[in-house]
Every structure is written in C-alpha cells, then in structure tokens.
Amino acid sequence: MSAPPAAAAAPPQTPAATTFTAAPNKLTAEQLQAIYTKAHREGGTTFDGNPWQISYEPDGTINLSSGNFTDTGHGVIKGDAICSTYTKLWKGQEHCFHYAKVDDAHYASYESDGSLSSVFSIWGM
C-alpha cells in the first residue's frame, strides 16, 4: 500500500476526544457517504502502537494491512456509522464505528461503546 502524505503522517495538532460523546465534529451520514463511496486509503496506529493501513473501494471492498497481518472485508454505511465485516478480524462478525474529524488531516474512530479506537488520516480520494 502507498505511504500517506507528510501532513497525514504527522500527529494531529489537537488530541482526539477519548469518547464519542465528547467528540466535536462528529461525522454525519452524508459526510460518511462523501468519503466512503470513493476509493481511498486510511492509515493510523492501533491502540498498542502498531501502524495500519486500509484501502477502500467504492463497492465497499476493504483491504487491511497491519504489520504481518492482512485481511479483506466489506464495509457499509449504516446511519452515522461504518460497519465492517472481515474474513479473519473479529471472527467474521460485523463491527461498527462512529467517526469524528480531529483536524484538517486526521479523523478518529470510536467503538460501539463510544470509546476511542484509533486516530487516522485519509488520502488518495
């Protein structure tokens, strides 16, 4: 997968809120549609410090890479969340995330319980 641009690779200027409830700039269903119906890449760091990248295709196909781990899956927009099902990750069970914009180059994803999952960048749209 391609490397993110320099601005996307730098840490966010403002830290992400630790819960979705506290997050400003929550993404709406319309904003998610504008992003996730186009081919793009995302990259960030897992909670334990491992870098990851995901490529999204307009049909919902997802390719994930994190260290030596790779997986494929499918994502769909459900209301104001992106719900993904992968072949290996989460044992094939659907997992939904909510999103907020952190700054001009970064976004945050939040678990269904509202806890912060990851901070990441989007490029290649």
C-alpha atoms as a PDB file:
ATOM      1  CA  MET A   1       0.000   0.000   0.000  1.00  0.00           C
ATOM      2  CA  SER A   2       1.140   3.541  -0.584  1.00  0.00           C
ATOM      3  CA  ALA A   3       2.562   5.746   2.149  1.00  0.00           C
ATOM      4  CA  PRO A   4       0.439   8.628   3.435  1.00  0.00           C
ATOM      5  CA  PRO A   5       1.380  12.193   2.533  1.00  0.00           C
ATOM      6  CA  ALA A   6       3.579  14.009   5.071  1.00  0.00           C
ATOM      7  CA  ALA A   7       0.714  16.039   6.617  1.00  0.00           C
ATOM      8  CA  ALA A   8      -1.280  12.857   7.174  1.00  0.00           C
ATOM      9  CA  ALA A   9       1.687  11.034   8.704  1.00  0.00           C
ATOM     10  CA  ALA A  10       2.289  13.763  11.314  1.00  0.00           C
ATOM     11  CA  PRO A  11       0.402  13.506  14.606  1.00  0.00           C
ATOM     12  CA  PRO A  12      -2.775  15.582  14.922  1.00  0.00           C
ATOM     13  CA  GLN A  13      -2.426  19.142  16.204  1.00  0.00           C
ATOM     14  CA  THR A  14      -5.334  18.570  18.600  1.00  0.00           C
ATOM     15  CA  PRO A  15      -5.725  15.288  20.501  1.00  0.00           C
ATOM     16  CA  ALA A  16      -8.842  13.265  19.715  1.00  0.00           C
ATOM     17  CA  ALA A  17     -11.586  13.160  22.336  1.00  0.00           C
ATOM     18  CA  THR A  18     -11.425   9.934  24.342  1.00  0.00           C
ATOM     19  CA  THR A  19     -15.162   9.245  23.897  1.00  0.00           C
ATOM     20  CA  PHE A  20     -17.563   9.729  21.002  1.00  0.00           C
ATOM     21  CA  THR A  21     -19.940  11.622  23.288  1.00  0.00           C
ATOM     22  CA  ALA A  22     -17.228  14.232  23.961  1.00  0.00           C
ATOM     23  CA  ALA A  23     -16.013  14.404  20.353  1.00  0.00           C
ATOM     24  CA  PRO A  24     -16.667  17.634  18.467  1.00  0.00           C
ATOM     25  CA  ASN A  25     -17.121  17.463  14.692  1.00  0.00           C
ATOM     26  CA  LYS A  26     -18.938  14.109  14.582  1.00  0.00           C
ATOM     27  CA  LEU A  27     -19.365  12.905  11.003  1.00  0.00           C
ATOM     28  CA  THR A  28     -22.925  12.680   9.709  1.00  0.00           C
ATOM     29  CA  ALA A  29     -24.293  10.014   7.382  1.00  0.00           C
ATOM     30  CA  GLU A  30     -23.911  12.484   4.489  1.00  0.00           C
ATOM     31  CA  GLN A  31     -20.268  13.162   5.347  1.00  0.00           C
ATOM     32  CA  LEU A  32     -19.568   9.424   5.590  1.00  0.00           C
ATOM     33  CA  GLN A  33     -21.207   8.933   2.171  1.00  0.00           C
ATOM     34  CA  ALA A  34     -18.917  11.602   0.686  1.00  0.00           C
ATOM     35  CA  ILE A  35     -15.840   9.721   1.951  1.00  0.00           C
ATOM     36  CA  TYR A  36     -16.729   6.033   1.857  1.00  0.00           C
ATOM     37  CA  THR A  37     -18.335   5.899  -1.597  1.00  0.00           C
ATOM     38  CA  LYS A  38     -14.958   6.864  -3.140  1.00  0.00           C
ATOM     39  CA  ALA A  39     -11.780   4.833  -3.410  1.00  0.00           C
ATOM     40  CA  HIS A  40      -9.296   5.988  -0.771  1.00  0.00           C
ATOM     41  CA  ARG A  41      -6.714   4.890   1.758  1.00  0.00           C
ATOM     42  CA  GLU A  42      -6.601   5.313   5.509  1.00  0.00           C
ATOM     43  CA  GLY A  43      -3.671   4.898   7.858  1.00  0.00           C
ATOM     44  CA  GLY A  44      -3.120   5.194  11.553  1.00  0.00           C
ATOM     45  CA  THR A  45      -1.817   3.492  14.655  1.00  0.00           C
ATOM     46  CA  THR A  46      -3.560   0.863  16.763  1.00  0.00           C
ATOM     47  CA  PHE A  47      -4.104   1.376  20.498  1.00  0.00           C
ATOM     48  CA  ASP A  48      -0.920  -0.655  21.130  1.00  0.00           C
ATOM     49  CA  GLY A  49       1.202   1.369  18.706  1.00  0.00           C
ATOM     50  CA  ASN A  50       1.149  -0.750  15.546  1.00  0.00           C
ATOM     51  CA  PRO A  51       0.749   1.085  12.239  1.00  0.00           C
ATOM     52  CA  TRP A  52      -2.105   0.032   9.961  1.00  0.00           C
ATOM     53  CA  GLN A  53      -3.434   0.883   6.509  1.00  0.00           C
ATOM     54  CA  ILE A  54      -6.773   0.190   4.871  1.00  0.00           C
ATOM     55  CA  SER A  55      -7.787   0.658   1.260  1.00  0.00           C
ATOM     56  CA  TYR A  56     -11.469   1.184   0.487  1.00  0.00           C
ATOM     57  CA  GLU A  57     -13.140   0.686  -2.886  1.00  0.00           C
ATOM     58  CA  PRO A  58     -16.432   2.349  -3.910  1.00  0.00           C
ATOM     59  CA  ASP A  59     -18.215  -1.045  -3.771  1.00  0.00           C
ATOM     60  CA  GLY A  60     -17.321  -1.421  -0.069  1.00  0.00           C
ATOM     61  CA  THR A  61     -14.373  -3.789  -0.511  1.00  0.00           C
ATOM     62  CA  ILE A  62     -11.744  -3.282   2.215  1.00  0.00           C
ATOM     63  CA  ASN A  63      -8.108  -4.453   2.311  1.00  0.00           C
ATOM     64  CA  LEU A  64      -6.383  -4.194   5.702  1.00  0.00           C
ATOM     65  CA  SER A  65      -2.673  -4.408   6.497  1.00  0.00           C
ATOM     66  CA  SER A  66      -1.098  -4.126   9.958  1.00  0.00           C
ATOM     67  CA  GLY A  67       2.415  -5.479  10.365  1.00  0.00           C
ATOM     68  CA  ASN A  68       2.339  -9.082   9.119  1.00  0.00           C
ATOM     69  CA  PHE A  69      -1.453  -9.269   9.430  1.00  0.00           C
ATOM     70  CA  THR A  70      -3.617  -8.774   6.332  1.00  0.00           C
ATOM     71  CA  ASP A  71      -7.337  -9.226   5.848  1.00  0.00           C
ATOM     72  CA  THR A  72     -10.107  -8.438   3.389  1.00  0.00           C
ATOM     73  CA  GLY A  73     -13.637  -7.432   4.104  1.00  0.00           C
ATOM     74  CA  HIS A  74     -16.632  -5.328   3.235  1.00  0.00           C
ATOM     75  CA  GLY A  75     -17.937  -2.082   4.726  1.00  0.00           C
ATOM     76  CA  VAL A  76     -21.360  -0.472   4.623  1.00  0.00           C
ATOM     77  CA  ILE A  77     -22.737   2.809   5.905  1.00  0.00           C
ATOM     78  CA  LYS A  78     -25.480   2.317   8.489  1.00  0.00           C
ATOM     79  CA  GLY A  79     -26.836   5.654   9.657  1.00  0.00           C
ATOM     80  CA  ASP A  80     -23.922   7.629  11.067  1.00  0.00           C
ATOM     81  CA  ALA A  81     -21.620   4.589  11.375  1.00  0.00           C
ATOM     82  CA  ILE A  82     -19.429   2.469   9.134  1.00  0.00           C
ATOM     83  CA  CYS A  83     -19.980  -1.241   9.738  1.00  0.00           C
ATOM     84  CA  SER A  84     -17.317  -3.683   8.563  1.00  0.00           C
ATOM     85  CA  THR A  85     -17.107  -7.440   8.283  1.00  0.00           C
ATOM     86  CA  TYR A  86     -13.693  -9.029   7.682  1.00  0.00           C
ATOM     87  CA  THR A  87     -12.694 -12.574   6.809  1.00  0.00           C
ATOM     88  CA  LYS A  88     -10.415 -13.021   9.879  1.00  0.00           C
ATOM     89  CA  LEU A  89     -10.770  -9.948  12.100  1.00  0.00           C
ATOM     90  CA  TRP A  90     -13.483 -10.139  14.759  1.00  0.00           C
ATOM     91  CA  LYS A  91     -14.092 -13.759  13.660  1.00  0.00           C
ATOM     92  CA  GLY A  92     -16.164 -12.535  10.728  1.00  0.00           C
ATOM     93  CA  GLN A  93     -18.636 -10.637  12.902  1.00  0.00           C
ATOM     94  CA  GLU A  94     -19.814  -7.164  11.886  1.00  0.00           C
ATOM     95  CA  HIS A  95     -18.206  -4.322  13.833  1.00  0.00           C
ATOM     96  CA  CYS A  96     -19.475  -0.718  13.641  1.00  0.00           C
ATOM     97  CA  PHE A  97     -17.592   2.525  14.268  1.00  0.00           C
ATOM     98  CA  HIS A  98     -18.594   6.165  14.584  1.00  0.00           C
ATOM     99  CA  TYR A  99     -16.270   8.902  13.340  1.00  0.00           C
ATOM    100  CA  ALA A 100     -15.264  12.462  14.141  1.00  0.00           C
ATOM    101  CA  LYS A 101     -12.939  14.895  12.392  1.00  0.00           C
ATOM    102  CA  VAL A 102      -9.975  15.797  14.640  1.00  0.00           C
ATOM    103  CA  ASP A 103      -8.234  18.390  12.434  1.00  0.00           C
ATOM    104  CA  ASP A 104      -7.661  19.094   8.732  1.00  0.00           C
ATOM    105  CA  ALA A 105      -5.670  15.868   8.235  1.00  0.00           C
ATOM    106  CA  HIS A 106      -6.968  13.475  10.924  1.00  0.00           C
ATOM    107  CA  TYR A 107     -10.077  11.582  11.942  1.00  0.00           C
ATOM    108  CA  ALA A 108     -10.940   9.474  14.987  1.00  0.00           C
ATOM    109  CA  SER A 109     -12.910   6.239  15.051  1.00  0.00           C
ATOM    110  CA  TYR A 110     -14.956   5.202  18.061  1.00  0.00           C
ATOM    111  CA  GLU A 111     -16.136   1.740  19.115  1.00  0.00           C
ATOM    112  CA  SER A 112     -19.844   0.995  19.518  1.00  0.00           C
ATOM    113  CA  ASP A 113     -19.459   1.635  23.279  1.00  0.00           C
ATOM    114  CA  GLY A 114     -18.167   5.147  22.467  1.00  0.00           C
ATOM    115  CA  SER A 115     -14.515   4.549  23.389  1.00  0.00           C
ATOM    116  CA  LEU A 116     -11.730   5.863  21.156  1.00  0.00           C
ATOM    117  CA  SER A 117     -10.446   3.192  18.787  1.00  0.00           C
ATOM    118  CA  SER A 118      -7.940   4.941  16.518  1.00  0.00           C
ATOM    119  CA  VAL A 119      -6.741   8.240  15.085  1.00  0.00           C
ATOM    120  CA  PHE A 120      -6.020   8.114  11.375  1.00  0.00           C
ATOM    121  CA  SER A 121      -5.584  10.018   8.128  1.00  0.00           C
ATOM    122  CA  ILE A 122      -7.316   9.663   4.760  1.00  0.00           C
ATOM    123  CA  TRP A 123      -5.630  10.167   1.399  1.00  0.00           C
ATOM    124  CA  GLY A 124      -5.951   9.305  -2.267  1.00  0.00           C
ATOM    125  CA  MET A 125      -9.542  10.480  -2.762  1.00  0.00           C
END
